[in-house]
Amino acid sequence: MECMDSMKSAIKLEQLGEPMSEGTVEEHRIDLCRCLYKLHFQLLLLLESYVKLLSLLTVRVQQMHIVDLSQDITSVKNEVIRAVEDTESDRLSPSEQPDVSSLSQQEAETILLELVNTRKWGKAIRHLHCYRAMFPGSIFGNSEEDDIDVILGIFAKHLCENRTGYFMMSQEEHDIANICRQLMDISLQLSSVLHNLEHSQQERSHDSSFRRSEC
């Protein structure tokens, strides 16, 4: 944040016509790049730790003979994603929205649960949008929550209700591992760019010092 604030201050002074040495502005920019690179690298480390944790958890689940429902939830997730894509245009068509004005919250929740349990994803998503506006904060979630996560949460709860010894993971481990590899490639590119910027700054600083000594 300090790097960002320093950069904003330098740009603002430059826009106001205040005399600013080129070296000072460039130094602020490089400092900001350093901070962004460190933040990116920390995110990479966090995701790598998360992948290791998931791997250990998966092994432990197999050792304890717990029923892994990850494939089931992944299959359902793909169906819900397609349903979300199919119902996006419905938001622009009020006539397609169900009339729920006469329903109580309990009745609305019961209908939504029935739609999810019978895997009528399109209707469930349309009802979710209407109920969310009427009863925010309940099982319908709020406007900031992703439709897919809300539907999957309801389905997963129903799937494991009154049962024990079940495990499920909606995000496949290899997908997260691929993201980590992509972030690693980006991290290496950022490191190279940052190194070139620092090298260029050192050369300019050296040239400037050399010219001053000649004078």
Protein backbone atom coordinates (compact mmCIF):
# COMPACT_ATOMS: atom_id res chain seq x y z
CA MET A 1 0.00 0.00 0.00
CA GLU A 2 2.87 2.37 0.76
CA CYS A 3 4.30 1.77 -2.71
CA MET A 4 0.91 2.47 -4.27
CA ASP A 5 0.44 5.65 -2.23
CA SER A 6 3.92 6.87 -3.14
CA MET A 7 3.25 6.22 -6.81
CA LYS A 8 -0.09 8.07 -6.66
CA SER A 9 1.54 11.04 -4.94
CA ALA A 10 4.33 11.19 -7.52
CA ILE A 11 1.86 11.04 -10.44
CA LYS A 12 -0.35 13.69 -8.85
CA LEU A 13 2.59 16.05 -8.31
CA GLU A 14 3.71 15.43 -11.88
CA GLN A 15 0.22 16.27 -13.20
CA LEU A 16 0.18 19.49 -11.13
CA GLY A 17 3.39 20.57 -12.81
CA GLU A 18 5.60 20.13 -9.78
CA PRO A 19 9.26 19.54 -10.65
CA MET A 20 9.94 15.83 -10.33
CA SER A 21 13.16 14.14 -11.31
CA GLU A 22 12.74 11.31 -13.77
CA GLY A 23 14.75 9.05 -11.50
CA THR A 24 12.35 9.58 -8.57
CA VAL A 25 9.24 8.68 -10.58
CA GLU A 26 10.98 5.68 -12.11
CA GLU A 27 12.09 4.49 -8.69
CA HIS A 28 8.51 4.63 -7.42
CA ARG A 29 7.36 2.61 -10.41
CA ILE A 30 9.99 -0.05 -9.84
CA ASP A 31 9.13 -0.21 -6.13
CA LEU A 32 5.49 -0.77 -7.09
CA CYS A 33 6.53 -3.55 -9.46
CA ARG A 34 8.54 -5.18 -6.68
CA CYS A 35 5.53 -5.10 -4.36
CA LEU A 36 3.22 -6.56 -7.01
CA TYR A 37 5.73 -9.30 -7.75
CA LYS A 38 5.97 -10.21 -4.05
CA LEU A 39 2.18 -10.25 -3.76
CA HIS A 40 1.91 -12.50 -6.82
CA PHE A 41 4.56 -14.84 -5.44
CA GLN A 42 2.80 -15.06 -2.07
CA LEU A 43 -0.43 -15.96 -3.84
CA LEU A 44 1.44 -18.69 -5.71
CA LEU A 45 2.83 -20.10 -2.45
CA LEU A 46 -0.64 -20.04 -0.91
CA LEU A 47 -2.15 -21.98 -3.82
CA GLU A 48 0.70 -24.50 -3.78
CA SER A 49 0.12 -25.10 -0.07
CA TYR A 50 -3.60 -25.51 -0.79
CA VAL A 51 -2.87 -28.13 -3.48
CA LYS A 52 -0.64 -30.06 -1.07
CA LEU A 53 -3.35 -29.92 1.58
CA LEU A 54 -5.96 -31.24 -0.85
CA SER A 55 -3.61 -34.03 -1.90
CA LEU A 56 -3.03 -35.08 1.72
CA LEU A 57 -6.75 -34.89 2.42
CA THR A 58 -7.58 -37.06 -0.58
CA VAL A 59 -5.06 -39.70 0.48
CA ARG A 60 -6.42 -39.66 4.03
CA VAL A 61 -9.97 -40.06 2.73
CA GLN A 62 -8.95 -43.15 0.77
CA GLN A 63 -7.16 -44.62 3.78
CA MET A 64 -10.22 -44.16 5.99
CA HIS A 65 -12.51 -45.72 3.36
CA ILE A 66 -14.67 -42.61 3.20
CA VAL A 67 -16.99 -42.41 0.19
CA ASP A 68 -15.64 -39.78 -2.19
CA LEU A 69 -18.47 -37.99 -4.03
CA SER A 70 -16.22 -35.50 -5.80
CA GLN A 71 -16.96 -36.91 -9.25
CA ASP A 72 -20.68 -36.67 -8.60
CA ILE A 73 -20.51 -33.04 -7.50
CA THR A 74 -18.20 -32.20 -10.44
CA SER A 75 -20.71 -33.71 -12.87
CA VAL A 76 -23.51 -31.72 -11.26
CA LYS A 77 -21.39 -28.57 -11.36
CA ASN A 78 -20.97 -28.92 -15.13
CA GLU A 79 -24.74 -29.29 -15.52
CA VAL A 80 -25.37 -26.21 -13.38
CA ILE A 81 -22.83 -24.18 -15.35
CA ARG A 82 -24.63 -25.04 -18.60
CA ALA A 83 -27.97 -24.14 -17.01
CA VAL A 84 -26.60 -20.78 -15.84
CA GLU A 85 -25.41 -20.03 -19.36
CA ASP A 86 -28.80 -21.02 -20.81
CA THR A 87 -30.75 -18.84 -18.35
CA GLU A 88 -28.62 -15.69 -18.66
CA SER A 89 -30.92 -14.29 -21.35
CA ASP A 90 -33.94 -14.90 -19.11
CA ARG A 91 -32.88 -12.07 -16.82
CA LEU A 92 -33.72 -9.66 -19.62
CA SER A 93 -37.20 -11.18 -20.06
CA PRO A 94 -39.51 -10.46 -17.08
CA SER A 95 -42.18 -12.74 -18.50
CA GLU A 96 -39.90 -15.71 -17.92
CA GLN A 97 -39.61 -15.01 -14.19
CA PRO A 98 -41.88 -17.09 -11.90
CA ASP A 99 -44.47 -15.30 -9.82
CA VAL A 100 -43.50 -15.85 -6.18
CA SER A 101 -45.08 -12.76 -4.65
CA SER A 102 -47.70 -14.88 -2.83
CA LEU A 103 -45.21 -17.33 -1.33
CA SER A 104 -43.83 -17.24 2.19
CA GLN A 105 -40.13 -17.74 2.80
CA GLN A 106 -40.65 -21.31 3.95
CA GLU A 107 -42.73 -22.13 0.88
CA ALA A 108 -40.16 -20.52 -1.39
CA GLU A 109 -37.35 -22.51 0.24
CA THR A 110 -39.32 -25.75 -0.09
CA ILE A 111 -39.86 -25.20 -3.82
CA LEU A 112 -36.21 -24.33 -4.37
CA LEU A 113 -35.06 -27.44 -2.50
CA GLU A 114 -37.42 -29.59 -4.56
CA LEU A 115 -36.11 -28.12 -7.83
CA VAL A 116 -32.51 -28.70 -6.77
CA ASN A 117 -33.17 -32.23 -5.50
CA THR A 118 -34.88 -33.15 -8.78
CA ARG A 119 -32.00 -31.51 -10.71
CA LYS A 120 -34.18 -29.01 -12.55
CA TRP A 121 -31.28 -26.58 -12.70
CA GLY A 122 -32.74 -23.99 -15.06
CA LYS A 123 -35.90 -23.54 -13.03
CA ALA A 124 -33.91 -23.62 -9.80
CA ILE A 125 -31.67 -20.78 -10.97
CA ARG A 126 -34.61 -18.65 -12.11
CA HIS A 127 -36.35 -19.19 -8.76
CA LEU A 128 -33.10 -18.46 -6.97
CA HIS A 129 -32.93 -15.03 -8.58
CA CYS A 130 -36.48 -14.16 -7.57
CA TYR A 131 -36.25 -15.54 -4.04
CA ARG A 132 -32.89 -13.92 -3.43
CA ALA A 133 -34.41 -10.48 -3.95
CA MET A 134 -37.32 -11.27 -1.62
CA PHE A 135 -35.48 -13.21 1.09
CA PRO A 136 -31.80 -12.22 1.01
CA GLY A 137 -29.45 -13.94 3.43
CA SER A 138 -31.34 -17.24 3.63
CA ILE A 139 -30.53 -20.36 1.59
CA PHE A 140 -30.84 -18.18 -1.51
CA GLY A 141 -27.68 -16.29 -0.59
CA ASN A 142 -27.18 -12.70 -1.61
CA SER A 143 -26.42 -10.80 -4.80
CA GLU A 144 -22.66 -11.06 -4.20
CA GLU A 145 -22.68 -14.88 -4.11
CA ASP A 146 -22.19 -16.93 -7.24
CA ASP A 147 -25.30 -18.78 -8.44
CA ILE A 148 -23.31 -21.96 -9.05
CA ASP A 149 -21.86 -22.00 -5.52
CA VAL A 150 -25.30 -21.48 -3.95
CA ILE A 151 -26.93 -24.27 -5.98
CA LEU A 152 -24.04 -26.66 -5.36
CA GLY A 153 -24.13 -25.89 -1.65
CA ILE A 154 -27.82 -26.77 -1.46
CA PHE A 155 -27.31 -29.95 -3.49
CA ALA A 156 -24.30 -31.07 -1.44
CA LYS A 157 -26.16 -30.52 1.81
CA HIS A 158 -29.07 -32.59 0.52
CA LEU A 159 -26.72 -35.32 -0.73
CA CYS A 160 -25.04 -35.79 2.66
CA GLU A 161 -28.02 -35.00 4.87
CA ASN A 162 -28.48 -37.54 7.67
CA ARG A 163 -25.47 -39.50 6.38
CA THR A 164 -21.86 -39.69 7.54
CA GLY A 165 -18.63 -40.86 5.98
CA TYR A 166 -18.91 -38.85 2.77
CA PHE A 167 -16.43 -36.47 1.18
CA MET A 168 -16.74 -34.20 -1.84
CA MET A 169 -14.66 -31.52 -3.54
CA SER A 170 -16.19 -29.40 -6.30
CA GLN A 171 -12.86 -28.11 -7.64
CA GLU A 172 -10.70 -30.85 -9.12
CA GLU A 173 -7.16 -31.02 -7.78
CA HIS A 174 -5.48 -31.08 -11.19
CA ASP A 175 -7.33 -27.89 -12.19
CA ILE A 176 -5.80 -26.03 -9.25
CA ALA A 177 -2.40 -27.57 -10.02
CA ASN A 178 -2.67 -26.24 -13.60
CA ILE A 179 -3.44 -22.77 -12.23
CA CYS A 180 -0.33 -23.01 -10.04
CA ARG A 181 1.81 -23.90 -13.05
CA GLN A 182 0.42 -20.97 -15.02
CA LEU A 183 1.08 -18.63 -12.10
CA MET A 184 4.63 -19.97 -11.83
CA ASP A 185 5.24 -19.17 -15.51
CA ILE A 186 3.87 -15.67 -14.98
CA SER A 187 6.01 -15.28 -11.86
CA LEU A 188 9.15 -16.13 -13.82
CA GLN A 189 8.22 -13.61 -16.51
CA LEU A 190 7.58 -10.92 -13.91
CA SER A 191 10.91 -11.67 -12.25
CA SER A 192 12.69 -11.27 -15.58
CA VAL A 193 10.90 -7.97 -16.34
CA LEU A 194 11.66 -6.64 -12.87
CA HIS A 195 15.32 -7.58 -13.22
CA ASN A 196 15.53 -5.73 -16.55
CA LEU A 197 13.89 -2.64 -15.03
CA GLU A 198 16.32 -2.62 -12.11
CA HIS A 199 19.26 -3.09 -14.47
CA SER A 200 18.08 -0.20 -16.67
CA GLN A 201 17.66 2.04 -13.63
CA GLN A 202 21.18 1.22 -12.44
CA GLU A 203 22.59 2.06 -15.86
CA ARG A 204 20.76 5.39 -15.96
CA SER A 205 21.90 6.20 -12.45
CA HIS A 206 25.48 5.37 -13.37
CA ASP A 207 25.33 7.52 -16.53
CA SER A 208 23.86 10.42 -14.56
CA SER A 209 26.59 10.19 -11.92
CA PHE A 210 29.24 10.02 -14.64
CA ARG A 211 27.93 13.17 -16.34
CA ARG A 212 27.87 15.07 -13.05
CA SER A 213 31.48 14.07 -12.35
CA GLU A 214 32.53 15.37 -15.78
CA CYS A 215 30.97 18.73 -15.01
